[in-house]
Amino acid sequence: MNGAQLHQAAIEIARNLPFSQQDHPFGPEYEVFKILEKIFMLTAEVADVKIVNIKCDPYKSQEYQELYSFIIPGYHMNKKHWISITPH
């Protein structure tokens, strides 16, 4: 899955979640999704690599990072509560 496909899939899933709202509080280049005013996902591009940051249970975060090489600690986010998904 390339970066554009990753962003598109994440956005489509987030849009279909109950009570999900799309926003651009950090500028038009970031797709931010909230539920009840709490951010749970955002898309970004870092050094020409598209990533998706997702809020994650701290206990699952480490497990996911060990299982999947394309999941890393949340870029520019709290590493305990966020993960980043990169293209693979």
PDB file of N, CA and C in Angstrom:
ATOM      1  N   MET A   1       0.854  -1.169   0.000  1.00  0.00           N
ATOM      2  CA  MET A   1       0.000   0.000   0.000  1.00  0.00           C
ATOM      3  C   MET A   1       0.902   1.234   0.000  1.00  0.00           C
ATOM      4  N   ASN A   2       0.688   2.104  -0.963  1.00  0.00           N
ATOM      5  CA  ASN A   2       1.501   3.319  -1.007  1.00  0.00           C
ATOM      6  C   ASN A   2       0.875   4.396  -0.114  1.00  0.00           C
ATOM      7  N   GLY A   3       1.535   5.531   0.002  1.00  0.00           N
ATOM      8  CA  GLY A   3       1.092   6.593   0.892  1.00  0.00           C
ATOM      9  C   GLY A   3      -0.276   7.147   0.554  1.00  0.00           C
ATOM     10  N   ALA A   4      -0.553   7.362  -0.731  1.00  0.00           N
ATOM     11  CA  ALA A   4      -1.852   7.893  -1.133  1.00  0.00           C
ATOM     12  C   ALA A   4      -2.970   6.905  -0.795  1.00  0.00           C
ATOM     13  N   GLN A   5      -2.720   5.628  -1.020  1.00  0.00           N
ATOM     14  CA  GLN A   5      -3.715   4.598  -0.694  1.00  0.00           C
ATOM     15  C   GLN A   5      -3.934   4.518   0.820  1.00  0.00           C
ATOM     16  N   LEU A   6      -2.852   4.645   1.572  1.00  0.00           N
ATOM     17  CA  LEU A   6      -2.942   4.626   3.030  1.00  0.00           C
ATOM     18  C   LEU A   6      -3.819   5.768   3.523  1.00  0.00           C
ATOM     19  N   HIS A   7      -3.547   6.980   3.048  1.00  0.00           N
ATOM     20  CA  HIS A   7      -4.351   8.133   3.446  1.00  0.00           C
ATOM     21  C   HIS A   7      -5.810   7.935   3.058  1.00  0.00           C
ATOM     22  N   GLN A   8      -6.058   7.514   1.831  1.00  0.00           N
ATOM     23  CA  GLN A   8      -7.433   7.346   1.356  1.00  0.00           C
ATOM     24  C   GLN A   8      -8.186   6.313   2.178  1.00  0.00           C
ATOM     25  N   ALA A   9      -7.553   5.179   2.466  1.00  0.00           N
ATOM     26  CA  ALA A   9      -8.213   4.131   3.253  1.00  0.00           C
ATOM     27  C   ALA A   9      -8.510   4.618   4.670  1.00  0.00           C
ATOM     28  N   ALA A  10      -7.556   5.286   5.290  1.00  0.00           N
ATOM     29  CA  ALA A  10      -7.747   5.783   6.654  1.00  0.00           C
ATOM     30  C   ALA A  10      -8.870   6.817   6.705  1.00  0.00           C
ATOM     31  N   ILE A  11      -8.884   7.721   5.749  1.00  0.00           N
ATOM     32  CA  ILE A  11      -9.922   8.759   5.708  1.00  0.00           C
ATOM     33  C   ILE A  11     -11.300   8.133   5.501  1.00  0.00           C
ATOM     34  N   GLU A  12     -11.396   7.178   4.618  1.00  0.00           N
ATOM     35  CA  GLU A  12     -12.683   6.530   4.355  1.00  0.00           C
ATOM     36  C   GLU A  12     -13.199   5.819   5.608  1.00  0.00           C
ATOM     37  N   ILE A  13     -12.326   5.113   6.296  1.00  0.00           N
ATOM     38  CA  ILE A  13     -12.724   4.417   7.523  1.00  0.00           C
ATOM     39  C   ILE A  13     -13.144   5.425   8.590  1.00  0.00           C
ATOM     40  N   ALA A  14     -12.351   6.472   8.790  1.00  0.00           N
ATOM     41  CA  ALA A  14     -12.655   7.472   9.818  1.00  0.00           C
ATOM     42  C   ALA A  14     -13.970   8.184   9.537  1.00  0.00           C
ATOM     43  N   ARG A  15     -14.240   8.502   8.296  1.00  0.00           N
ATOM     44  CA  ARG A  15     -15.486   9.189   7.937  1.00  0.00           C
ATOM     45  C   ARG A  15     -16.722   8.350   8.259  1.00  0.00           C
ATOM     46  N   ASN A  16     -16.574   7.040   8.217  1.00  0.00           N
ATOM     47  CA  ASN A  16     -17.714   6.150   8.434  1.00  0.00           C
ATOM     48  C   ASN A  16     -17.926   5.752   9.885  1.00  0.00           C
ATOM     49  N   LEU A  17     -17.079   6.208  10.791  1.00  0.00           N
ATOM     50  CA  LEU A  17     -17.276   5.893  12.200  1.00  0.00           C
ATOM     51  C   LEU A  17     -18.410   6.755  12.764  1.00  0.00           C
ATOM     52  N   PRO A  18     -19.229   6.174  13.647  1.00  0.00           N
ATOM     53  CA  PRO A  18     -20.310   6.963  14.239  1.00  0.00           C
ATOM     54  C   PRO A  18     -19.779   8.198  14.969  1.00  0.00           C
ATOM     55  N   PHE A  19     -20.422   9.315  14.754  1.00  0.00           N
ATOM     56  CA  PHE A  19     -20.110  10.595  15.397  1.00  0.00           C
ATOM     57  C   PHE A  19     -18.789  11.219  14.966  1.00  0.00           C
ATOM     58  N   SER A  20     -18.142  10.645  13.975  1.00  0.00           N
ATOM     59  CA  SER A  20     -16.860  11.177  13.505  1.00  0.00           C
ATOM     60  C   SER A  20     -17.060  12.506  12.786  1.00  0.00           C
ATOM     61  N   GLN A  21     -16.151  13.447  13.057  1.00  0.00           N
ATOM     62  CA  GLN A  21     -16.178  14.744  12.406  1.00  0.00           C
ATOM     63  C   GLN A  21     -14.794  15.038  11.840  1.00  0.00           C
ATOM     64  N   GLN A  22     -14.780  15.508  10.607  1.00  0.00           N
ATOM     65  CA  GLN A  22     -13.531  15.864   9.941  1.00  0.00           C
ATOM     66  C   GLN A  22     -13.274  17.346  10.154  1.00  0.00           C
ATOM     67  N   ASP A  23     -12.001  17.699  10.398  1.00  0.00           N
ATOM     68  CA  ASP A  23     -11.650  19.080  10.712  1.00  0.00           C
ATOM     69  C   ASP A  23     -10.259  19.380  10.151  1.00  0.00           C
ATOM     70  N   HIS A  24      -9.879  20.650  10.139  1.00  0.00           N
ATOM     71  CA  HIS A  24      -8.560  21.076   9.666  1.00  0.00           C
ATOM     72  C   HIS A  24      -7.964  22.120  10.625  1.00  0.00           C
ATOM     73  N   PRO A  25      -7.845  21.807  11.923  1.00  0.00           N
ATOM     74  CA  PRO A  25      -7.356  22.806  12.875  1.00  0.00           C
ATOM     75  C   PRO A  25      -5.875  23.149  12.700  1.00  0.00           C
ATOM     76  N   PHE A  26      -5.116  22.303  12.018  1.00  0.00           N
ATOM     77  CA  PHE A  26      -3.688  22.530  11.836  1.00  0.00           C
ATOM     78  C   PHE A  26      -3.341  22.981  10.422  1.00  0.00           C
ATOM     79  N   GLY A  27      -4.352  23.239   9.615  1.00  0.00           N
ATOM     80  CA  GLY A  27      -4.138  23.659   8.237  1.00  0.00           C
ATOM     81  C   GLY A  27      -4.731  22.655   7.265  1.00  0.00           C
ATOM     82  N   PRO A  28      -4.865  23.072   6.010  1.00  0.00           N
ATOM     83  CA  PRO A  28      -5.526  22.216   5.016  1.00  0.00           C
ATOM     84  C   PRO A  28      -4.736  20.960   4.655  1.00  0.00           C
ATOM     85  N   GLU A  29      -3.467  20.915   4.975  1.00  0.00           N
ATOM     86  CA  GLU A  29      -2.662  19.738   4.615  1.00  0.00           C
ATOM     87  C   GLU A  29      -2.830  18.577   5.595  1.00  0.00           C
ATOM     88  N   TYR A  30      -3.548  18.789   6.706  1.00  0.00           N
ATOM     89  CA  TYR A  30      -3.775  17.748   7.700  1.00  0.00           C
ATOM     90  C   TYR A  30      -5.261  17.422   7.777  1.00  0.00           C
ATOM     91  N   GLU A  31      -5.595  16.168   7.546  1.00  0.00           N
ATOM     92  CA  GLU A  31      -6.969  15.711   7.743  1.00  0.00           C
ATOM     93  C   GLU A  31      -7.049  15.219   9.183  1.00  0.00           C
ATOM     94  N   VAL A  32      -7.879  15.862   9.976  1.00  0.00           N
ATOM     95  CA  VAL A  32      -8.008  15.537  11.398  1.00  0.00           C
ATOM     96  C   VAL A  32      -9.419  15.023  11.640  1.00  0.00           C
ATOM     97  N   PHE A  33      -9.517  13.935  12.390  1.00  0.00           N
ATOM     98  CA  PHE A  33     -10.815  13.368  12.719  1.00  0.00           C
ATOM     99  C   PHE A  33     -10.995  13.332  14.225  1.00  0.00           C
ATOM    100  N   LYS A  34     -12.209  13.720  14.636  1.00  0.00           N
ATOM    101  CA  LYS A  34     -12.543  13.795  16.055  1.00  0.00           C
ATOM    102  C   LYS A  34     -13.860  13.062  16.302  1.00  0.00           C
ATOM    103  N   ILE A  35     -13.990  12.586  17.522  1.00  0.00           N
ATOM    104  CA  ILE A  35     -15.266  12.095  18.029  1.00  0.00           C
ATOM    105  C   ILE A  35     -15.465  12.794  19.365  1.00  0.00           C
ATOM    106  N   LEU A  36     -16.589  13.464  19.501  1.00  0.00           N
ATOM    107  CA  LEU A  36     -16.899  14.234  20.710  1.00  0.00           C
ATOM    108  C   LEU A  36     -15.776  15.205  21.058  1.00  0.00           C
ATOM    109  N   GLU A  37     -15.287  15.892  20.022  1.00  0.00           N
ATOM    110  CA  GLU A  37     -14.257  16.932  20.152  1.00  0.00           C
ATOM    111  C   GLU A  37     -12.871  16.406  20.544  1.00  0.00           C
ATOM    112  N   LYS A  38     -12.677  15.091  20.537  1.00  0.00           N
ATOM    113  CA  LYS A  38     -11.368  14.498  20.849  1.00  0.00           C
ATOM    114  C   LYS A  38     -10.765  13.925  19.577  1.00  0.00           C
ATOM    115  N   ILE A  39      -9.545  14.337  19.271  1.00  0.00           N
ATOM    116  CA  ILE A  39      -8.862  13.831  18.071  1.00  0.00           C
ATOM    117  C   ILE A  39      -8.518  12.364  18.261  1.00  0.00           C
ATOM    118  N   PHE A  40      -8.827  11.565  17.237  1.00  0.00           N
ATOM    119  CA  PHE A  40      -8.443  10.155  17.269  1.00  0.00           C
ATOM    120  C   PHE A  40      -7.565   9.759  16.078  1.00  0.00           C
ATOM    121  N   MET A  41      -7.516  10.614  15.043  1.00  0.00           N
ATOM    122  CA  MET A  41      -6.689  10.294  13.881  1.00  0.00           C
ATOM    123  C   MET A  41      -6.357  11.558  13.113  1.00  0.00           C
ATOM    124  N   LEU A  42      -5.151  11.556  12.538  1.00  0.00           N
ATOM    125  CA  LEU A  42      -4.806  12.626  11.602  1.00  0.00           C
ATOM    126  C   LEU A  42      -3.844  12.093  10.570  1.00  0.00           C
ATOM    127  N   THR A  43      -3.942  12.670   9.377  1.00  0.00           N
ATOM    128  CA  THR A  43      -3.021  12.300   8.309  1.00  0.00           C
ATOM    129  C   THR A  43      -1.998  13.416   8.156  1.00  0.00           C
ATOM    130  N   ALA A  44      -0.801  13.040   7.755  1.00  0.00           N
ATOM    131  CA  ALA A  44       0.271  14.020   7.585  1.00  0.00           C
ATOM    132  C   ALA A  44       1.258  13.500   6.547  1.00  0.00           C
ATOM    133  N   GLU A  45       2.159  14.392   6.153  1.00  0.00           N
ATOM    134  CA  GLU A  45       3.253  14.010   5.269  1.00  0.00           C
ATOM    135  C   GLU A  45       4.536  14.519   5.907  1.00  0.00           C
ATOM    136  N   VAL A  46       5.472  13.594   6.142  1.00  0.00           N
ATOM    137  CA  VAL A  46       6.723  13.917   6.810  1.00  0.00           C
ATOM    138  C   VAL A  46       7.875  13.484   5.914  1.00  0.00           C
ATOM    139  N   ALA A  47       8.699  14.424   5.521  1.00  0.00           N
ATOM    140  CA  ALA A  47       9.839  14.134   4.636  1.00  0.00           C
ATOM    141  C   ALA A  47       9.377  13.341   3.413  1.00  0.00           C
ATOM    142  N   ASP A  48       8.295  13.808   2.781  1.00  0.00           N
ATOM    143  CA  ASP A  48       7.733  13.187   1.581  1.00  0.00           C
ATOM    144  C   ASP A  48       7.161  11.790   1.803  1.00  0.00           C
ATOM    145  N   VAL A  49       6.908  11.422   3.055  1.00  0.00           N
ATOM    146  CA  VAL A  49       6.292  10.130   3.365  1.00  0.00           C
ATOM    147  C   VAL A  49       4.943  10.403   4.027  1.00  0.00           C
ATOM    148  N   LYS A  50       3.892   9.855   3.436  1.00  0.00           N
ATOM    149  CA  LYS A  50       2.562  10.024   4.012  1.00  0.00           C
ATOM    150  C   LYS A  50       2.402   9.069   5.190  1.00  0.00           C
ATOM    151  N   ILE A  51       1.900   9.595   6.317  1.00  0.00           N
ATOM    152  CA  ILE A  51       1.674   8.774   7.503  1.00  0.00           C
ATOM    153  C   ILE A  51       0.268   9.044   8.030  1.00  0.00           C
ATOM    154  N   VAL A  52      -0.183   8.122   8.866  1.00  0.00           N
ATOM    155  CA  VAL A  52      -1.444   8.279   9.574  1.00  0.00           C
ATOM    156  C   VAL A  52      -1.149   8.097  11.054  1.00  0.00           C
ATOM    157  N   ASN A  53      -1.494   9.088  11.869  1.00  0.00           N
ATOM    158  CA  ASN A  53      -1.359   8.996  13.321  1.00  0.00           C
ATOM    159  C   ASN A  53      -2.711   8.592  13.886  1.00  0.00           C
ATOM    160  N   ILE A  54      -2.689   7.581  14.767  1.00  0.00           N
ATOM    161  CA  ILE A  54      -3.923   7.069  15.356  1.00  0.00           C
ATOM    162  C   ILE A  54      -3.758   6.953  16.865  1.00  0.00           C
ATOM    163  N   LYS A  55      -4.777   7.403  17.583  1.00  0.00           N
ATOM    164  CA  LYS A  55      -4.794   7.238  19.040  1.00  0.00           C
ATOM    165  C   LYS A  55      -4.929   5.755  19.320  1.00  0.00           C
ATOM    166  N   CYS A  56      -4.158   5.265  20.307  1.00  0.00           N
ATOM    167  CA  CYS A  56      -4.101   3.825  20.536  1.00  0.00           C
ATOM    168  C   CYS A  56      -4.016   3.519  22.024  1.00  0.00           C
ATOM    169  N   ASP A  57      -4.621   2.439  22.417  1.00  0.00           N
ATOM    170  CA  ASP A  57      -4.494   1.958  23.789  1.00  0.00           C
ATOM    171  C   ASP A  57      -3.013   1.737  24.078  1.00  0.00           C
ATOM    172  N   PRO A  58      -2.496   2.293  25.167  1.00  0.00           N
ATOM    173  CA  PRO A  58      -1.063   2.166  25.459  1.00  0.00           C
ATOM    174  C   PRO A  58      -0.581   0.724  25.546  1.00  0.00           C
ATOM    175  N   TYR A  59      -1.444  -0.171  26.004  1.00  0.00           N
ATOM    176  CA  TYR A  59      -1.036  -1.570  26.141  1.00  0.00           C
ATOM    177  C   TYR A  59      -0.984  -2.282  24.794  1.00  0.00           C
ATOM    178  N   LYS A  60      -1.788  -1.839  23.855  1.00  0.00           N
ATOM    179  CA  LYS A  60      -1.773  -2.428  22.513  1.00  0.00           C
ATOM    180  C   LYS A  60      -0.702  -1.806  21.623  1.00  0.00           C
ATOM    181  N   SER A  61      -0.347  -0.568  21.894  1.00  0.00           N
ATOM    182  CA  SER A  61       0.607   0.163  21.075  1.00  0.00           C
ATOM    183  C   SER A  61       1.916  -0.609  20.898  1.00  0.00           C
ATOM    184  N   GLN A  62       2.490  -1.046  21.992  1.00  0.00           N
ATOM    185  CA  GLN A  62       3.759  -1.776  21.929  1.00  0.00           C
ATOM    186  C   GLN A  62       3.601  -3.092  21.175  1.00  0.00           C
ATOM    187  N   GLU A  63       2.507  -3.767  21.414  1.00  0.00           N
ATOM    188  CA  GLU A  63       2.244  -5.031  20.724  1.00  0.00           C
ATOM    189  C   GLU A  63       2.162  -4.831  19.214  1.00  0.00           C
ATOM    190  N   TYR A  64       1.434  -3.810  18.786  1.00  0.00           N
ATOM    191  CA  TYR A  64       1.313  -3.530  17.360  1.00  0.00           C
ATOM    192  C   TYR A  64       2.668  -3.201  16.740  1.00  0.00           C
ATOM    193  N   GLN A  65       3.473  -2.435  17.456  1.00  0.00           N
ATOM    194  CA  GLN A  65       4.790  -2.067  16.935  1.00  0.00           C
ATOM    195  C   GLN A  65       5.706  -3.280  16.798  1.00  0.00           C
ATOM    196  N   GLU A  66       5.556  -4.245  17.682  1.00  0.00           N
ATOM    197  CA  GLU A  66       6.365  -5.466  17.603  1.00  0.00           C
ATOM    198  C   GLU A  66       5.882  -6.382  16.477  1.00  0.00           C
ATOM    199  N   LEU A  67       4.582  -6.387  16.224  1.00  0.00           N
ATOM    200  CA  LEU A  67       4.018  -7.269  15.202  1.00  0.00           C
ATOM    201  C   LEU A  67       4.176  -6.741  13.777  1.00  0.00           C
ATOM    202  N   TYR A  68       4.106  -5.417  13.617  1.00  0.00           N
ATOM    203  CA  TYR A  68       4.065  -4.824  12.279  1.00  0.00           C
ATOM    204  C   TYR A  68       5.170  -3.784  12.108  1.00  0.00           C
ATOM    205  N   SER A  69       6.036  -3.999  11.158  1.00  0.00           N
ATOM    206  CA  SER A  69       7.165  -3.088  10.946  1.00  0.00           C
ATOM    207  C   SER A  69       6.729  -1.712  10.455  1.00  0.00           C
ATOM    208  N   PHE A  70       5.532  -1.617   9.889  1.00  0.00           N
ATOM    209  CA  PHE A  70       5.048  -0.331   9.370  1.00  0.00           C
ATOM    210  C   PHE A  70       4.324   0.498  10.428  1.00  0.00           C
ATOM    211  N   ILE A  71       4.261  -0.003  11.660  1.00  0.00           N
ATOM    212  CA  ILE A  71       3.689   0.772  12.772  1.00  0.00           C
ATOM    213  C   ILE A  71       4.819   1.200  13.682  1.00  0.00           C
ATOM    214  N   ILE A  72       4.901   2.505  13.915  1.00  0.00           N
ATOM    215  CA  ILE A  72       5.977   3.087  14.721  1.00  0.00           C
ATOM    216  C   ILE A  72       5.363   3.985  15.794  1.00  0.00           C
ATOM    217  N   PRO A  73       6.175   4.399  16.774  1.00  0.00           N
ATOM    218  CA  PRO A  73       5.642   5.348  17.768  1.00  0.00           C
ATOM    219  C   PRO A  73       5.113   6.594  17.070  1.00  0.00           C
ATOM    220  N   GLY A  74       4.078   7.180  17.614  1.00  0.00           N
ATOM    221  CA  GLY A  74       3.411   8.322  16.998  1.00  0.00           C
ATOM    222  C   GLY A  74       4.347   9.472  16.697  1.00  0.00           C
ATOM    223  N   TYR A  75       4.449   9.827  15.420  1.00  0.00           N
ATOM    224  CA  TYR A  75       5.308  10.929  15.008  1.00  0.00           C
ATOM    225  C   TYR A  75       4.760  12.243  15.552  1.00  0.00           C
ATOM    226  N   HIS A  76       5.575  12.959  16.272  1.00  0.00           N
ATOM    227  CA  HIS A  76       5.254  14.281  16.813  1.00  0.00           C
ATOM    228  C   HIS A  76       4.047  14.237  17.760  1.00  0.00           C
ATOM    229  N   MET A  77       3.848  13.073  18.389  1.00  0.00           N
ATOM    230  CA  MET A  77       2.716  12.891  19.302  1.00  0.00           C
ATOM    231  C   MET A  77       3.226  12.187  20.560  1.00  0.00           C
ATOM    232  N   ASN A  78       2.368  12.085  21.559  1.00  0.00           N
ATOM    233  CA  ASN A  78       2.686  11.340  22.769  1.00  0.00           C
ATOM    234  C   ASN A  78       2.904   9.875  22.383  1.00  0.00           C
ATOM    235  N   LYS A  79       4.112   9.376  22.594  1.00  0.00           N
ATOM    236  CA  LYS A  79       4.479   8.030  22.132  1.00  0.00           C
ATOM    237  C   LYS A  79       3.730   6.928  22.876  1.00  0.00           C
ATOM    238  N   LYS A  80       3.189   7.245  24.044  1.00  0.00           N
ATOM    239  CA  LYS A  80       2.458   6.250  24.817  1.00  0.00           C
ATOM    240  C   LYS A  80       1.050   6.044  24.267  1.00  0.00           C
ATOM    241  N   HIS A  81       0.439   7.094  23.761  1.00  0.00           N
ATOM    242  CA  HIS A  81      -0.958   7.038  23.356  1.00  0.00           C
ATOM    243  C   HIS A  81      -1.195   7.099  21.849  1.00  0.00           C
ATOM    244  N   TRP A  82      -0.146   7.267  21.066  1.00  0.00           N
ATOM    245  CA  TRP A  82      -0.311   7.406  19.619  1.00  0.00           C
ATOM    246  C   TRP A  82       0.658   6.495  18.870  1.00  0.00           C
ATOM    247  N   ILE A  83       0.197   5.991  17.729  1.00  0.00           N
ATOM    248  CA  ILE A  83       1.057   5.248  16.808  1.00  0.00           C
ATOM    249  C   ILE A  83       0.964   5.911  15.435  1.00  0.00           C
ATOM    250  N   SER A  84       1.981   5.706  14.638  1.00  0.00           N
ATOM    251  CA  SER A  84       1.978   6.156  13.242  1.00  0.00           C
ATOM    252  C   SER A  84       2.028   4.934  12.341  1.00  0.00           C
ATOM    253  N   ILE A  85       1.222   4.982  11.313  1.00  0.00           N
ATOM    254  CA  ILE A  85       1.223   3.916  10.311  1.00  0.00           C
ATOM    255  C   ILE A  85       1.857   4.482   9.066  1.00  0.00           C
ATOM    256  N   THR A  86       2.832   3.780   8.530  1.00  0.00           N
ATOM    257  CA  THR A  86       3.572   4.221   7.360  1.00  0.00           C
ATOM    258  C   THR A  86       3.248   3.324   6.172  1.00  0.00           C
ATOM    259  N   PRO A  87       3.477   3.782   4.956  1.00  0.00           N
ATOM    260  CA  PRO A  87       3.221   2.907   3.778  1.00  0.00           C
ATOM    261  C   PRO A  87       4.131   1.686   3.821  1.00  0.00           C
ATOM    262  N   HIS A  88       3.641   0.618   3.239  1.00  0.00           N
ATOM    263  CA  HIS A  88       4.460  -0.606   3.158  1.00  0.00           C
ATOM    264  C   HIS A  88       4.247  -1.299   1.838  1.00  0.00           C
TER     265      HIS A  88
END
